[in-house]
Amino acid sequence: MKYDLWENKFSNENIALEATLTENITLYKNNYSSTKTIFKKDSSVQDIVTDPETIVDSTGIPIPILDQWKEKNIPSLTVQQGKEQIRITEWGPYDFRYPIVFLKRSTAIMFITLMC
């Protein structure tokens, strides 16, 4: 597995980060205050990079097709009421506090529902 831990704040912690049985960890611009141990690991942890010089944030790369879209804003969504409208995520019922995409299946066509 690969873990990227960016711009987190740790304060008043005995151990800010503890890793075991993993590899490929990148720590970037994390802030530690009043922390006794910043990073604790066992012998199985490999390939830790701290504040790399060349790091690429893939969310900051513009996609050319976006410039061609007529509507740039996410439209408001009216949610229907009823038990059949309940959406479940891996953490439980979706509570509409963040946008999410759900896959809807039809016989031969796949649709998505964007909920905001």
C-alpha atoms as a PDB file:
ATOM      1  CA  MET A   1       0.000   0.000   0.000  1.00  0.00           C
ATOM      2  CA  LYS A   2       1.022   3.603  -0.544  1.00  0.00           C
ATOM      3  CA  TYR A   3       0.135   6.274   1.998  1.00  0.00           C
ATOM      4  CA  ASP A   4       0.411  10.037   1.432  1.00  0.00           C
ATOM      5  CA  LEU A   5      -0.050  12.068   4.606  1.00  0.00           C
ATOM      6  CA  TRP A   6      -0.174  15.760   3.670  1.00  0.00           C
ATOM      7  CA  GLU A   7      -0.633  18.908   5.720  1.00  0.00           C
ATOM      8  CA  ASN A   8      -1.952  17.353   8.920  1.00  0.00           C
ATOM      9  CA  LYS A   9      -1.692  18.988  12.353  1.00  0.00           C
ATOM     10  CA  PHE A  10      -0.718  16.940  15.379  1.00  0.00           C
ATOM     11  CA  SER A  11      -0.704  18.585  18.791  1.00  0.00           C
ATOM     12  CA  ASN A  12      -0.372  17.287  22.351  1.00  0.00           C
ATOM     13  CA  GLU A  13       0.232  13.706  21.227  1.00  0.00           C
ATOM     14  CA  ASN A  14       2.558  11.109  22.747  1.00  0.00           C
ATOM     15  CA  ILE A  15       2.970   9.494  19.291  1.00  0.00           C
ATOM     16  CA  ALA A  16       1.786  11.461  16.240  1.00  0.00           C
ATOM     17  CA  LEU A  17       2.138   8.660  13.670  1.00  0.00           C
ATOM     18  CA  GLU A  18       2.669   4.941  14.221  1.00  0.00           C
ATOM     19  CA  ALA A  19       3.199   2.501  11.351  1.00  0.00           C
ATOM     20  CA  THR A  20       3.505  -1.257  11.153  1.00  0.00           C
ATOM     21  CA  LEU A  21       3.472  -3.843   8.325  1.00  0.00           C
ATOM     22  CA  THR A  22       3.428  -1.269   5.528  1.00  0.00           C
ATOM     23  CA  GLU A  23       5.604   0.514   2.978  1.00  0.00           C
ATOM     24  CA  ASN A  24       5.662   3.585   0.724  1.00  0.00           C
ATOM     25  CA  ILE A  25       4.761   6.337   3.192  1.00  0.00           C
ATOM     26  CA  THR A  26       5.121   9.984   2.173  1.00  0.00           C
ATOM     27  CA  LEU A  27       4.940  12.647   4.888  1.00  0.00           C
ATOM     28  CA  TYR A  28       4.547  16.156   3.450  1.00  0.00           C
ATOM     29  CA  LYS A  29       4.142  19.481   5.261  1.00  0.00           C
ATOM     30  CA  ASN A  30       2.758  17.973   8.460  1.00  0.00           C
ATOM     31  CA  ASN A  31       2.785  20.169  11.572  1.00  0.00           C
ATOM     32  CA  TYR A  32       3.752  18.739  14.972  1.00  0.00           C
ATOM     33  CA  SER A  33       3.378  20.739  18.201  1.00  0.00           C
ATOM     34  CA  SER A  34       3.862  19.452  21.751  1.00  0.00           C
ATOM     35  CA  THR A  35       4.421  15.955  20.356  1.00  0.00           C
ATOM     36  CA  LYS A  36       6.805  13.584  22.171  1.00  0.00           C
ATOM     37  CA  THR A  37       7.369  11.157  19.271  1.00  0.00           C
ATOM     38  CA  ILE A  38       6.686  12.249  15.693  1.00  0.00           C
ATOM     39  CA  PHE A  39       6.969   8.887  13.940  1.00  0.00           C
ATOM     40  CA  LYS A  40       7.180   5.398  15.433  1.00  0.00           C
ATOM     41  CA  LYS A  41       7.673   2.354  13.225  1.00  0.00           C
ATOM     42  CA  ASP A  42       8.620  -1.283  13.502  1.00  0.00           C
ATOM     43  CA  SER A  43      11.187  -3.168  11.413  1.00  0.00           C
ATOM     44  CA  SER A  44       8.599  -4.144   8.765  1.00  0.00           C
ATOM     45  CA  VAL A  45       8.057  -0.533   7.606  1.00  0.00           C
ATOM     46  CA  GLN A  46       9.991   0.403   4.456  1.00  0.00           C
ATOM     47  CA  ASP A  47      10.376   3.368   2.091  1.00  0.00           C
ATOM     48  CA  ILE A  48       9.482   6.462   4.127  1.00  0.00           C
ATOM     49  CA  VAL A  49       9.866   9.844   2.390  1.00  0.00           C
ATOM     50  CA  THR A  50       9.697  13.044   4.443  1.00  0.00           C
ATOM     51  CA  ASP A  51       8.933  16.403   2.768  1.00  0.00           C
ATOM     52  CA  PRO A  52      10.071  15.502  -0.770  1.00  0.00           C
ATOM     53  CA  GLU A  53      11.332  18.273  -3.052  1.00  0.00           C
ATOM     54  CA  THR A  54       9.451  17.098  -6.138  1.00  0.00           C
ATOM     55  CA  ILE A  55       5.896  16.133  -5.322  1.00  0.00           C
ATOM     56  CA  VAL A  56       2.928  16.310  -7.686  1.00  0.00           C
ATOM     57  CA  ASP A  57      -0.581  17.071  -6.491  1.00  0.00           C
ATOM     58  CA  SER A  58      -2.743  15.366  -9.122  1.00  0.00           C
ATOM     59  CA  THR A  59      -5.830  17.304  -7.962  1.00  0.00           C
ATOM     60  CA  GLY A  60      -4.154  20.536  -9.062  1.00  0.00           C
ATOM     61  CA  ILE A  61      -3.798  19.511 -12.721  1.00  0.00           C
ATOM     62  CA  PRO A  62      -6.528  21.050 -14.911  1.00  0.00           C
ATOM     63  CA  ILE A  63      -8.295  18.705 -17.288  1.00  0.00           C
ATOM     64  CA  PRO A  64      -8.548  20.268 -20.799  1.00  0.00           C
ATOM     65  CA  ILE A  65     -12.136  19.084 -21.430  1.00  0.00           C
ATOM     66  CA  LEU A  66     -13.401  21.133 -18.471  1.00  0.00           C
ATOM     67  CA  ASP A  67     -12.863  24.344 -20.471  1.00  0.00           C
ATOM     68  CA  GLN A  68     -15.362  23.118 -23.088  1.00  0.00           C
ATOM     69  CA  TRP A  69     -18.224  22.494 -20.638  1.00  0.00           C
ATOM     70  CA  LYS A  70     -21.018  25.043 -20.704  1.00  0.00           C
ATOM     71  CA  GLU A  71     -22.077  24.633 -17.074  1.00  0.00           C
ATOM     72  CA  LYS A  72     -19.227  25.074 -14.608  1.00  0.00           C
ATOM     73  CA  ASN A  73     -21.264  24.865 -11.382  1.00  0.00           C
ATOM     74  CA  ILE A  74     -22.726  21.774  -9.764  1.00  0.00           C
ATOM     75  CA  PRO A  75     -26.508  22.020 -10.054  1.00  0.00           C
ATOM     76  CA  SER A  76     -28.593  21.906  -6.902  1.00  0.00           C
ATOM     77  CA  LEU A  77     -30.127  18.518  -6.205  1.00  0.00           C
ATOM     78  CA  THR A  78     -33.604  17.852  -4.929  1.00  0.00           C
ATOM     79  CA  VAL A  79     -33.589  14.594  -3.008  1.00  0.00           C
ATOM     80  CA  GLN A  80     -36.716  12.471  -3.013  1.00  0.00           C
ATOM     81  CA  GLN A  81     -38.018  11.234   0.334  1.00  0.00           C
ATOM     82  CA  GLY A  82     -38.573   7.613   1.342  1.00  0.00           C
ATOM     83  CA  LYS A  83     -36.747   4.444   2.359  1.00  0.00           C
ATOM     84  CA  GLU A  84     -35.901   3.581  -1.250  1.00  0.00           C
ATOM     85  CA  GLN A  85     -33.807   6.787  -1.423  1.00  0.00           C
ATOM     86  CA  ILE A  86     -31.460   5.841   1.445  1.00  0.00           C
ATOM     87  CA  ARG A  87     -27.871   5.462   0.230  1.00  0.00           C
ATOM     88  CA  ILE A  88     -25.349   3.431   2.215  1.00  0.00           C
ATOM     89  CA  THR A  89     -21.597   4.027   2.104  1.00  0.00           C
ATOM     90  CA  GLU A  90     -18.885   1.928   3.718  1.00  0.00           C
ATOM     91  CA  TRP A  91     -19.272   4.111   6.849  1.00  0.00           C
ATOM     92  CA  GLY A  92     -23.071   3.889   7.081  1.00  0.00           C
ATOM     93  CA  PRO A  93     -25.997   5.956   5.759  1.00  0.00           C
ATOM     94  CA  TYR A  94     -25.002   8.901   3.536  1.00  0.00           C
ATOM     95  CA  ASP A  95     -25.806  12.179   5.331  1.00  0.00           C
ATOM     96  CA  PHE A  96     -25.455  14.702   2.451  1.00  0.00           C
ATOM     97  CA  ARG A  97     -22.626  16.673   4.141  1.00  0.00           C
ATOM     98  CA  TYR A  98     -20.238  16.098   1.196  1.00  0.00           C
ATOM     99  CA  PRO A  99     -20.574  15.315  -2.529  1.00  0.00           C
ATOM    100  CA  ILE A 100     -20.498  11.656  -3.540  1.00  0.00           C
ATOM    101  CA  VAL A 101     -21.043   9.606  -6.696  1.00  0.00           C
ATOM    102  CA  PHE A 102     -23.161   6.450  -6.602  1.00  0.00           C
ATOM    103  CA  LEU A 103     -23.211   3.934  -9.453  1.00  0.00           C
ATOM    104  CA  LYS A 104     -26.690   2.938 -10.681  1.00  0.00           C
ATOM    105  CA  ARG A 105     -27.030  -0.169 -12.827  1.00  0.00           C
ATOM    106  CA  SER A 106     -29.513  -0.738 -15.591  1.00  0.00           C
ATOM    107  CA  THR A 107     -29.688  -3.722 -17.934  1.00  0.00           C
ATOM    108  CA  ALA A 108     -26.960  -2.717 -20.397  1.00  0.00           C
ATOM    109  CA  ILE A 109     -26.205   0.870 -19.397  1.00  0.00           C
ATOM    110  CA  MET A 110     -24.507   2.187 -16.273  1.00  0.00           C
ATOM    111  CA  PHE A 111     -25.609   5.519 -14.794  1.00  0.00           C
ATOM    112  CA  ILE A 112     -24.173   7.550 -11.954  1.00  0.00           C
ATOM    113  CA  THR A 113     -25.945   9.741  -9.407  1.00  0.00           C
ATOM    114  CA  LEU A 114     -24.051  12.777  -8.117  1.00  0.00           C
ATOM    115  CA  MET A 115     -25.298  13.760  -4.689  1.00  0.00           C
ATOM    116  CA  CYS A 116     -24.236  17.049  -3.114  1.00  0.00           C
END
